[in-house]
Amino acid sequence: MLVLTRKKDESIIINDEIELTIIAVDGDQVKLGIKAPREVEIHRKEIYLQIKAENNEASQLPQNLLNILQRK
């Protein structure tokens, strides 16, 4: 893990196309501004993990689910 120190209004650039800017620091909370191309998905980690878990669960459904649903 790379650890950087930044102050308010300072930024870092990732891969020439993503810019993270420190907007505010209030106690133990930091507000980040993120500039990235529209096609880059950005999620809070807990949301990303939830999406990943739901996708994994959905991929575990029976292969013949469509046939099962059509019978009902």
Protein backbone atom coordinates (compact mmCIF):
# COMPACT_ATOMS: atom_id res chain seq x y z
CA MET A 1 0.00 0.00 0.00
CA LEU A 2 1.28 3.42 -0.94
CA VAL A 3 0.74 5.98 1.82
CA LEU A 4 0.76 9.67 0.90
CA THR A 5 0.31 12.81 2.95
CA ARG A 6 -1.85 15.51 1.37
CA LYS A 7 -3.32 18.75 2.68
CA LYS A 8 -6.64 20.37 1.84
CA ASP A 9 -6.90 21.26 -1.87
CA GLU A 10 -3.94 19.01 -2.77
CA SER A 11 -4.39 16.14 -5.22
CA ILE A 12 -2.94 12.92 -6.49
CA ILE A 13 -3.22 11.59 -10.04
CA ILE A 14 -3.75 7.91 -10.85
CA ASN A 15 -2.97 6.56 -14.31
CA ASP A 16 -3.16 9.97 -16.03
CA GLU A 17 -6.95 10.00 -15.84
CA ILE A 18 -8.12 9.88 -12.21
CA GLU A 19 -7.59 12.79 -9.86
CA LEU A 20 -8.25 12.58 -6.12
CA THR A 21 -8.45 15.91 -4.32
CA ILE A 22 -8.70 16.49 -0.57
CA ILE A 23 -11.75 18.74 -0.19
CA ALA A 24 -11.91 18.97 3.59
CA VAL A 25 -10.56 17.39 6.77
CA ASP A 26 -12.77 17.42 9.87
CA GLY A 27 -11.46 15.39 12.79
CA ASP A 28 -11.16 11.79 11.62
CA GLN A 29 -13.24 12.40 8.49
CA VAL A 30 -11.79 13.32 5.11
CA LYS A 31 -13.85 14.50 2.12
CA LEU A 32 -12.46 13.46 -1.24
CA GLY A 33 -13.27 14.83 -4.66
CA ILE A 34 -12.80 12.38 -7.51
CA LYS A 35 -12.45 13.29 -11.19
CA ALA A 36 -12.52 10.27 -13.47
CA PRO A 37 -13.85 9.29 -16.88
CA ARG A 38 -17.55 8.34 -16.85
CA GLU A 39 -16.75 4.74 -17.73
CA VAL A 40 -14.73 4.31 -14.50
CA GLU A 41 -16.98 2.94 -11.77
CA ILE A 42 -16.38 4.44 -8.34
CA HIS A 43 -17.92 2.91 -5.21
CA ARG A 44 -17.36 3.11 -1.48
CA LYS A 45 -15.63 -0.12 -0.46
CA GLU A 46 -18.59 -1.47 1.55
CA ILE A 47 -20.90 -0.95 -1.46
CA TYR A 48 -18.36 -2.54 -3.81
CA LEU A 49 -18.11 -5.61 -1.56
CA GLN A 50 -21.92 -5.86 -1.37
CA ILE A 51 -22.22 -5.69 -5.18
CA LYS A 52 -19.50 -8.33 -5.52
CA ALA A 53 -21.24 -10.64 -3.02
CA GLU A 54 -24.61 -10.22 -4.75
CA ASN A 55 -23.05 -10.94 -8.15
CA ASN A 56 -21.36 -14.02 -6.75
CA GLU A 57 -24.64 -15.20 -5.21
CA ALA A 58 -26.49 -14.61 -8.49
CA SER A 59 -23.88 -16.61 -10.38
CA GLN A 60 -24.55 -19.57 -8.08
CA LEU A 61 -28.19 -19.88 -9.20
CA PRO A 62 -29.09 -23.10 -11.00
CA GLN A 63 -28.03 -23.26 -14.64
CA ASN A 64 -31.59 -24.23 -15.59
CA LEU A 65 -33.26 -21.32 -13.74
CA LEU A 66 -34.90 -20.06 -16.93
CA ASN A 67 -36.52 -23.49 -17.49
CA ILE A 68 -37.69 -23.60 -13.87
CA LEU A 69 -39.25 -20.13 -14.12
CA GLN A 70 -40.96 -20.90 -17.42
CA ARG A 71 -42.70 -23.93 -15.89
CA LYS A 72 -44.47 -21.81 -13.28
